[in-house]
Amino acid sequence: MKDRLWQAVYIALRPLLNDTDIVMAPRGDWPAFPCTAVLYDDLIDLKNCTILVLHKGQLTSLPKAELQHIAEEWQWIFANEVFVVLSSSRKIKEDVRRSGDFIHCKPLTRFLSSASLRKRCSRIVYVHVPKTGGTSMWASLTRAFPSHVYYPSLRAYLSNPPTQEDYDLIGLHFSPSVLLSSLREDDWVIGLVRDPTQRLLSAVMHSRRETEDPDTFTASAKAMREMDLAQYVATGLGRLEARLQLITFGIDYQRPADALSDQEALCAARALAQRENVILAPSERSSAFMELVASRLAFRPGPLRRLNANEPAVLTAYRLEFNKAIEIIDSINVHERKFYGFVCRSFSDLRTVSRRRRGREKRRFPLLNASPASPVRMRTAGG
């Protein structure tokens, strides 16, 4: 196995299994289990399973009430940075929650008690387009809001949607159109976009990392890993990937990606970005974005760290291949580049207005600004 944290699960679990067990585990390059194994993608159907290998990035893969029941009734037998493993029967003497690995159980226990951890009356929705610095941004946001949930797939969201009362922060890896109709007046949608060509090249480099497991990839990620870039972007999958930001913000989740022309999608994406409760920014200005959002929504974010990023040296290895593909990429992502430029200009204008507003407030209310306002007042003042 390529990933040591996945390998650690197998090493710990194998001696505990017998031929009557049924293991439910996420799809990956697992060695053969000494019993029946069922691999899941974005949804979990436990059926007769006796061992659940739960990926902490896929907590929304089964109904929350069912997960709560399993957490209460099953034994917690293993936990690390990525997984929590639970057994319907007793497998070990001491529950892992009573060991030094308890810290790795906290994301699940926190998820199950999310409603009691809320700090806000309204919700923040973070739209994470792959390779836009979203992993770093999400890590910072979750430090501020322990009541959070992340949906890696649209199917998981549609099968197990969040309730209005459960979370302060909701992360999406797909179009926010899925929840726009359920947003309240004081809910917010935020997100980052990136230079389209740079984002695509970063996605390609990510897919080609030696440490990545292709068994966990989408069809598009497998194609970009295996194909020459110029050939890949000429395929239907490649054309979608090259315009992913335009599709995410400009096309309704219920419609196919080619339902609109790129010009129509651009108009729709701009309209979304111009909503009063939506803040989008270029990923190159992530620090300024976090500062603005934290001020507008009245919270203290965690530090922004560089996470899941490609090393600059990796680009050198593929530079010739990338250069040959640039012309066709530029011909495909014309409207996505226009959307990116629009977001850059809009964010600069928003920061200018925000600075002027803060300046006026400081001049008008110097005493009020001497101490932090309550979250509700700051949120109202921020609009």
Protein backbone atom coordinates (compact mmCIF):
# COMPACT_ATOMS: atom_id res chain seq x y z
CA MET A 1 0.00 0.00 0.00
CA LYS A 2 1.26 3.47 -0.88
CA ASP A 3 -0.18 5.35 2.07
CA ARG A 4 1.27 4.50 5.49
CA LEU A 5 -1.90 5.54 7.31
CA TRP A 6 -4.00 3.15 5.24
CA GLN A 7 -1.37 0.47 5.74
CA ALA A 8 -1.50 1.02 9.52
CA VAL A 9 -5.22 0.18 9.49
CA TYR A 10 -4.63 -3.10 7.70
CA ILE A 11 -1.74 -4.10 9.96
CA ALA A 12 -3.76 -3.39 13.11
CA LEU A 13 -6.98 -4.94 11.83
CA ARG A 14 -5.84 -8.17 10.18
CA PRO A 15 -4.99 -10.13 13.37
CA LEU A 16 -8.41 -9.24 14.82
CA LEU A 17 -10.46 -10.61 11.92
CA ASN A 18 -12.00 -14.03 11.43
CA ASP A 19 -13.69 -15.57 8.42
CA THR A 20 -17.16 -14.57 9.63
CA ASP A 21 -16.35 -10.86 9.63
CA ILE A 22 -17.48 -8.51 6.88
CA VAL A 23 -15.27 -5.43 6.51
CA MET A 24 -16.67 -2.20 5.07
CA ALA A 25 -13.77 0.00 3.90
CA PRO A 26 -13.23 2.90 1.47
CA ARG A 27 -12.06 1.99 -2.00
CA GLY A 28 -8.28 1.76 -2.20
CA ASP A 29 -5.31 -0.52 -2.78
CA TRP A 30 -5.95 -2.74 0.26
CA PRO A 31 -4.26 -6.14 0.45
CA ALA A 32 -6.64 -9.07 0.64
CA PHE A 33 -8.53 -9.25 3.93
CA PRO A 34 -8.91 -12.72 5.55
CA CYS A 35 -12.68 -12.33 5.31
CA THR A 36 -15.33 -10.72 3.11
CA ALA A 37 -14.60 -7.07 2.28
CA VAL A 38 -16.96 -4.53 0.76
CA LEU A 39 -15.50 -1.28 -0.59
CA TYR A 40 -17.46 1.96 -0.56
CA ASP A 41 -17.12 5.14 -2.59
CA ASP A 42 -19.23 8.11 -1.48
CA LEU A 43 -22.07 6.25 0.29
CA ILE A 44 -21.99 3.51 2.94
CA ASP A 45 -24.60 0.76 3.16
CA LEU A 46 -23.67 -1.28 6.22
CA LYS A 47 -25.96 -4.27 5.51
CA ASN A 48 -24.40 -7.17 7.43
CA CYS A 49 -21.02 -5.56 7.95
CA THR A 50 -19.26 -6.27 11.26
CA ILE A 51 -16.26 -3.95 10.83
CA LEU A 52 -16.53 -0.34 9.65
CA VAL A 53 -13.33 1.35 8.46
CA LEU A 54 -14.60 4.92 8.52
CA HIS A 55 -12.63 7.54 6.62
CA LYS A 56 -12.90 10.79 8.59
CA GLY A 57 -13.21 12.73 5.35
CA GLN A 58 -16.40 10.78 4.56
CA LEU A 59 -18.45 11.14 7.73
CA THR A 60 -21.44 12.16 5.59
CA SER A 61 -21.43 8.84 3.72
CA LEU A 62 -24.18 7.43 5.93
CA PRO A 63 -27.09 8.99 7.85
CA LYS A 64 -25.94 10.80 10.96
CA ALA A 65 -28.44 9.00 13.20
CA GLU A 66 -27.10 5.66 12.01
CA LEU A 67 -23.53 6.76 12.61
CA GLN A 68 -24.51 7.95 16.09
CA HIS A 69 -25.98 4.52 16.85
CA ILE A 70 -22.82 2.75 15.66
CA ALA A 71 -20.61 5.06 17.73
CA GLU A 72 -22.65 4.27 20.84
CA GLU A 73 -23.13 0.52 20.37
CA TRP A 74 -19.98 -0.69 18.55
CA GLN A 75 -16.47 -0.96 19.94
CA TRP A 76 -13.91 1.59 18.76
CA ILE A 77 -10.91 -0.61 17.95
CA PHE A 78 -8.49 1.62 16.01
CA ALA A 79 -7.93 5.28 15.14
CA ASN A 80 -5.27 7.32 13.37
CA GLU A 81 -5.07 10.64 11.51
CA VAL A 82 -7.35 9.41 8.70
CA PHE A 83 -9.51 6.56 10.02
CA VAL A 84 -11.67 5.39 12.89
CA VAL A 85 -12.42 1.65 12.92
CA LEU A 86 -15.44 0.26 14.76
CA SER A 87 -16.52 -3.33 15.40
CA SER A 88 -19.99 -4.70 16.08
CA SER A 89 -18.41 -7.25 18.43
CA ARG A 90 -15.72 -6.93 21.08
CA LYS A 91 -12.28 -7.29 19.47
CA ILE A 92 -9.85 -5.70 21.93
CA LYS A 93 -9.63 -5.39 25.70
CA GLU A 94 -9.69 -1.60 25.94
CA ASP A 95 -11.66 0.75 23.70
CA VAL A 96 -9.25 2.93 21.69
CA ARG A 97 -10.89 6.01 23.20
CA ARG A 98 -9.18 5.08 26.47
CA SER A 99 -5.75 5.04 24.86
CA GLY A 100 -3.32 7.68 23.66
CA ASP A 101 -5.03 7.51 20.25
CA PHE A 102 -8.12 9.18 21.70
CA ILE A 103 -7.05 12.39 19.99
CA HIS A 104 -7.69 10.72 16.62
CA CYS A 105 -11.27 9.97 17.67
CA LYS A 106 -12.09 13.61 18.32
CA PRO A 107 -13.17 14.52 14.76
CA LEU A 108 -15.91 11.87 14.91
CA THR A 109 -17.07 12.72 18.44
CA ARG A 110 -17.06 16.40 17.51
CA PHE A 111 -19.08 15.70 14.36
CA LEU A 112 -21.70 13.77 16.30
CA SER A 113 -22.10 16.61 18.82
CA SER A 114 -21.99 19.43 16.25
CA ALA A 115 -25.32 21.02 17.22
CA SER A 116 -24.15 21.59 20.81
CA LEU A 117 -20.91 23.22 19.58
CA ARG A 118 -22.54 25.95 17.50
CA LYS A 119 -21.35 29.53 17.95
CA ARG A 120 -23.58 31.25 15.38
CA CYS A 121 -27.23 31.50 14.48
CA SER A 122 -26.39 31.69 10.76
CA ARG A 123 -24.32 29.37 8.60
CA ILE A 124 -21.23 29.75 6.44
CA VAL A 125 -20.95 27.63 3.30
CA TYR A 126 -17.44 27.16 1.93
CA VAL A 127 -17.21 26.05 -1.71
CA HIS A 128 -13.97 24.12 -2.24
CA VAL A 129 -12.94 23.88 -5.87
CA PRO A 130 -10.00 21.43 -6.09
CA LYS A 131 -6.51 22.95 -6.25
CA THR A 132 -7.49 26.49 -5.25
CA GLY A 133 -5.89 26.44 -1.81
CA GLY A 134 -9.08 25.04 -0.35
CA THR A 135 -7.46 22.52 2.00
CA SER A 136 -5.56 25.30 3.78
CA MET A 137 -8.63 27.55 3.92
CA TRP A 138 -10.85 24.76 5.24
CA ALA A 139 -8.34 23.88 7.97
CA SER A 140 -8.30 27.51 9.10
CA LEU A 141 -12.10 27.79 9.09
CA THR A 142 -12.63 24.55 11.03
CA ARG A 143 -10.36 25.79 13.81
CA ALA A 144 -12.75 28.70 14.23
CA PHE A 145 -15.88 26.56 13.97
CA PRO A 146 -15.80 23.12 15.61
CA SER A 147 -19.42 22.67 14.47
CA HIS A 148 -18.72 21.83 10.84
CA VAL A 149 -19.42 19.26 8.15
CA TYR A 150 -17.72 18.55 4.83
CA TYR A 151 -19.43 16.95 1.83
CA PRO A 152 -16.89 15.45 -0.59
CA SER A 153 -19.57 14.45 -3.10
CA LEU A 154 -22.94 15.62 -4.34
CA ARG A 155 -24.41 12.14 -3.78
CA ALA A 156 -23.50 12.28 -0.10
CA TYR A 157 -25.14 15.68 0.23
CA LEU A 158 -28.35 14.64 -1.51
CA SER A 159 -28.54 11.42 0.53
CA ASN A 160 -27.66 12.95 3.91
CA PRO A 161 -28.25 16.72 3.75
CA PRO A 162 -27.47 18.95 6.74
CA THR A 163 -30.27 20.21 8.95
CA GLN A 164 -30.64 23.93 9.56
CA GLU A 165 -29.69 23.57 13.23
CA ASP A 166 -26.69 21.25 13.02
CA TYR A 167 -23.66 23.24 11.77
CA ASP A 168 -22.00 26.65 11.71
CA LEU A 169 -19.82 25.72 8.74
CA ILE A 170 -20.63 23.55 5.72
CA GLY A 171 -18.01 22.58 3.14
CA LEU A 172 -18.92 21.57 -0.41
CA HIS A 173 -16.76 20.01 -3.13
CA PHE A 174 -19.36 20.81 -5.82
CA SER A 175 -21.84 23.45 -7.00
CA PRO A 176 -23.40 25.59 -4.24
CA SER A 177 -26.62 25.68 -6.27
CA VAL A 178 -27.65 22.53 -4.36
CA LEU A 179 -28.39 24.57 -1.23
CA LEU A 180 -29.05 28.13 -2.40
CA SER A 181 -32.80 27.73 -1.97
CA SER A 182 -32.35 26.63 1.65
CA LEU A 183 -30.14 29.54 2.70
CA ARG A 184 -31.49 32.02 5.20
CA GLU A 185 -31.04 35.76 4.87
CA ASP A 186 -27.99 35.88 7.11
CA ASP A 187 -26.23 32.76 5.74
CA TRP A 188 -23.11 33.24 3.65
CA VAL A 189 -21.43 31.48 0.71
CA ILE A 190 -17.68 31.96 0.39
CA GLY A 191 -14.95 30.43 -1.77
CA LEU A 192 -11.71 30.83 -3.69
CA VAL A 193 -10.99 30.66 -7.41
CA ARG A 194 -7.60 30.37 -9.08
CA ASP A 195 -6.02 31.26 -12.40
CA PRO A 196 -7.69 28.58 -14.57
CA THR A 197 -4.58 27.33 -16.34
CA GLN A 198 -2.53 27.20 -13.13
CA ARG A 199 -5.35 25.37 -11.36
CA LEU A 200 -5.54 22.74 -14.12
CA LEU A 201 -1.78 22.19 -14.14
CA SER A 202 -1.81 21.84 -10.37
CA ALA A 203 -4.57 19.21 -10.62
CA VAL A 204 -2.54 17.26 -13.16
CA MET A 205 0.58 17.35 -10.98
CA HIS A 206 -1.46 16.21 -7.98
CA SER A 207 -2.84 13.24 -9.91
CA ARG A 208 0.69 12.16 -10.83
CA ARG A 209 2.12 12.09 -7.33
CA GLU A 210 3.76 8.78 -6.55
CA THR A 211 2.09 8.73 -3.15
CA GLU A 212 -1.44 8.91 -4.60
CA ASP A 213 -3.55 5.76 -4.96
CA PRO A 214 -5.25 5.63 -8.40
CA ASP A 215 -7.85 3.23 -6.98
CA THR A 216 -9.34 6.22 -5.13
CA PHE A 217 -9.39 8.45 -8.26
CA THR A 218 -12.29 9.68 -10.34
CA ALA A 219 -12.27 8.77 -14.04
CA SER A 220 -10.99 12.26 -14.82
CA ALA A 221 -8.12 12.04 -12.33
CA LYS A 222 -7.10 8.65 -13.70
CA ALA A 223 -7.09 10.04 -17.24
CA MET A 224 -4.94 13.05 -16.36
CA ARG A 225 -2.52 10.75 -14.55
CA GLU A 226 -2.14 8.38 -17.48
CA MET A 227 -2.56 10.56 -20.59
CA ASP A 228 -0.40 13.22 -22.19
CA LEU A 229 -1.86 16.59 -21.15
CA ALA A 230 -2.64 17.80 -24.68
CA GLN A 231 -4.51 14.56 -25.36
CA TYR A 232 -6.32 14.73 -22.03
CA VAL A 233 -7.71 18.25 -22.48
CA ALA A 234 -9.00 17.25 -25.91
CA THR A 235 -11.29 14.66 -24.27
CA GLY A 236 -14.68 15.41 -22.73
CA LEU A 237 -13.29 14.85 -19.24
CA GLY A 238 -10.39 17.18 -19.93
CA ARG A 239 -12.66 19.94 -21.22
CA LEU A 240 -14.74 19.69 -18.06
CA GLU A 241 -11.67 19.85 -15.81
CA ALA A 242 -10.30 22.87 -17.69
CA ARG A 243 -13.58 24.73 -17.00
CA LEU A 244 -14.34 23.33 -13.55
CA GLN A 245 -14.66 26.68 -11.76
CA LEU A 246 -17.02 28.04 -14.41
CA ILE A 247 -19.14 24.90 -14.14
CA THR A 248 -19.11 24.90 -10.32
CA PHE A 249 -20.36 28.47 -9.98
CA GLY A 250 -22.28 28.84 -13.24
CA ILE A 251 -24.30 25.67 -13.84
CA ASP A 252 -27.07 24.29 -11.63
CA TYR A 253 -26.24 20.96 -10.03
CA GLN A 254 -29.31 19.31 -11.58
CA ARG A 255 -28.21 20.09 -15.12
CA PRO A 256 -25.42 18.45 -17.16
CA ALA A 257 -22.21 20.42 -17.51
CA ASP A 258 -22.92 21.14 -21.17
CA ALA A 259 -26.49 22.35 -20.51
CA LEU A 260 -25.41 25.97 -21.02
CA SER A 261 -22.99 27.64 -23.39
CA ASP A 262 -19.84 28.97 -21.73
CA GLN A 263 -21.17 32.51 -22.16
CA GLU A 264 -24.41 31.59 -20.40
CA ALA A 265 -22.48 29.86 -17.62
CA LEU A 266 -20.30 32.95 -17.27
CA CYS A 267 -23.36 35.18 -16.85
CA ALA A 268 -24.79 32.81 -14.23
CA ALA A 269 -21.48 32.60 -12.34
CA ARG A 270 -21.16 36.39 -12.29
CA ALA A 271 -24.73 36.71 -11.02
CA LEU A 272 -23.97 34.29 -8.18
CA ALA A 273 -20.76 36.12 -7.27
CA GLN A 274 -22.65 39.42 -7.10
CA ARG A 275 -25.15 38.25 -4.51
CA GLU A 276 -24.91 40.19 -1.27
CA ASN A 277 -24.30 37.07 0.79
CA VAL A 278 -21.56 35.65 -1.48
CA ILE A 279 -17.84 36.44 -1.20
CA LEU A 280 -15.43 34.95 -3.75
CA ALA A 281 -11.76 35.82 -4.03
CA PRO A 282 -8.67 34.79 -6.00
CA SER A 283 -6.65 32.15 -4.21
CA GLU A 284 -3.50 34.28 -4.59
CA ARG A 285 -5.09 36.66 -2.08
CA SER A 286 -6.20 34.04 0.42
CA SER A 287 -4.80 35.93 3.42
CA ALA A 288 -6.66 39.10 2.48
CA PHE A 289 -9.76 37.01 1.80
CA MET A 290 -9.62 35.40 5.24
CA GLU A 291 -9.08 38.79 6.87
CA LEU A 292 -12.10 40.25 5.09
CA VAL A 293 -14.37 37.28 5.76
CA ALA A 294 -13.36 37.10 9.42
CA SER A 295 -14.10 40.81 9.84
CA ARG A 296 -17.38 40.70 7.95
CA LEU A 297 -18.65 37.54 9.65
CA ALA A 298 -17.13 38.29 13.08
CA PHE A 299 -14.91 35.34 13.93
CA ARG A 300 -11.27 34.65 14.66
CA PRO A 301 -9.78 32.25 12.07
CA GLY A 302 -6.98 29.79 12.59
CA PRO A 303 -3.64 30.35 10.83
CA LEU A 304 -3.38 29.70 7.11
CA ARG A 305 -0.86 26.94 6.47
CA ARG A 306 0.39 25.55 3.16
CA LEU A 307 -1.33 22.16 2.84
CA ASN A 308 -1.67 19.60 0.02
CA ALA A 309 0.40 21.79 -2.31
CA ASN A 310 2.69 20.67 -5.12
CA GLU A 311 6.38 21.38 -4.80
CA PRO A 312 7.71 23.87 -7.42
CA ALA A 313 10.30 21.34 -8.58
CA VAL A 314 7.52 19.04 -9.76
CA LEU A 315 6.48 21.57 -12.39
CA THR A 316 9.94 21.43 -13.95
CA ALA A 317 9.57 17.73 -14.69
CA TYR A 318 6.44 18.37 -16.76
CA ARG A 319 7.23 21.81 -18.20
CA LEU A 320 7.77 20.66 -21.80
CA GLU A 321 4.55 18.61 -21.79
CA PHE A 322 2.62 21.51 -20.26
CA ASN A 323 3.99 24.06 -22.72
CA LYS A 324 2.79 21.93 -25.63
CA ALA A 325 -0.72 21.89 -24.19
CA ILE A 326 -1.04 25.59 -23.23
CA GLU A 327 -2.50 26.71 -26.56
CA ILE A 328 -5.35 24.21 -26.50
CA ILE A 329 -5.98 24.88 -22.78
CA ASP A 330 -6.23 28.62 -23.46
CA SER A 331 -8.72 27.97 -26.24
CA ILE A 332 -10.92 25.94 -23.90
CA ASN A 333 -10.95 28.08 -20.75
CA VAL A 334 -11.58 31.52 -22.29
CA HIS A 335 -14.77 32.14 -20.32
CA GLU A 336 -13.36 30.69 -17.11
CA ARG A 337 -10.49 33.17 -17.38
CA LYS A 338 -13.07 35.93 -17.77
CA PHE A 339 -14.82 34.73 -14.63
CA TYR A 340 -11.53 34.61 -12.75
CA GLY A 341 -10.74 38.19 -13.84
CA PHE A 342 -14.20 39.28 -12.73
CA VAL A 343 -13.66 37.75 -9.27
CA CYS A 344 -10.26 39.46 -8.97
CA ARG A 345 -11.74 42.88 -9.75
CA SER A 346 -14.81 42.36 -7.58
CA PHE A 347 -12.74 41.30 -4.60
CA SER A 348 -10.49 44.36 -4.92
CA ASP A 349 -13.57 46.59 -5.02
CA LEU A 350 -15.06 44.80 -2.02
CA ARG A 351 -11.90 45.31 0.04
CA THR A 352 -11.85 48.99 -0.86
CA VAL A 353 -15.46 49.44 0.25
CA SER A 354 -14.81 47.45 3.42
CA ARG A 355 -11.79 49.59 4.37
CA ARG A 356 -13.75 52.80 3.80
CA ARG A 357 -16.63 51.48 5.91
CA ARG A 358 -14.33 50.55 8.78
CA GLY A 359 -12.69 53.96 8.57
CA ARG A 360 -16.04 55.74 8.83
CA GLU A 361 -17.10 53.53 11.76
CA LYS A 362 -13.88 54.27 13.65
CA ARG A 363 -14.35 58.00 13.16
CA ARG A 364 -18.01 57.90 14.20
CA PHE A 365 -17.78 55.40 17.08
CA PRO A 366 -14.24 55.50 18.53
CA LEU A 367 -15.36 54.13 21.90
CA LEU A 368 -17.32 51.26 20.40
CA ASN A 369 -14.31 50.30 18.33
CA ALA A 370 -12.06 50.19 21.36
CA SER A 371 -13.39 46.73 22.24
CA PRO A 372 -14.65 43.87 20.04
CA ALA A 373 -18.30 44.02 19.09
CA SER A 374 -20.56 41.04 19.64
CA PRO A 375 -20.76 38.62 16.68
CA VAL A 376 -24.39 39.56 16.01
CA ARG A 377 -23.67 43.29 15.87
CA MET A 378 -20.58 42.90 13.72
CA ARG A 379 -22.45 40.55 11.38
CA THR A 380 -25.30 43.07 11.00
CA ALA A 381 -22.90 45.95 10.47
CA GLY A 382 -21.01 43.93 7.87
CA GLY A 383 -24.12 43.50 5.82
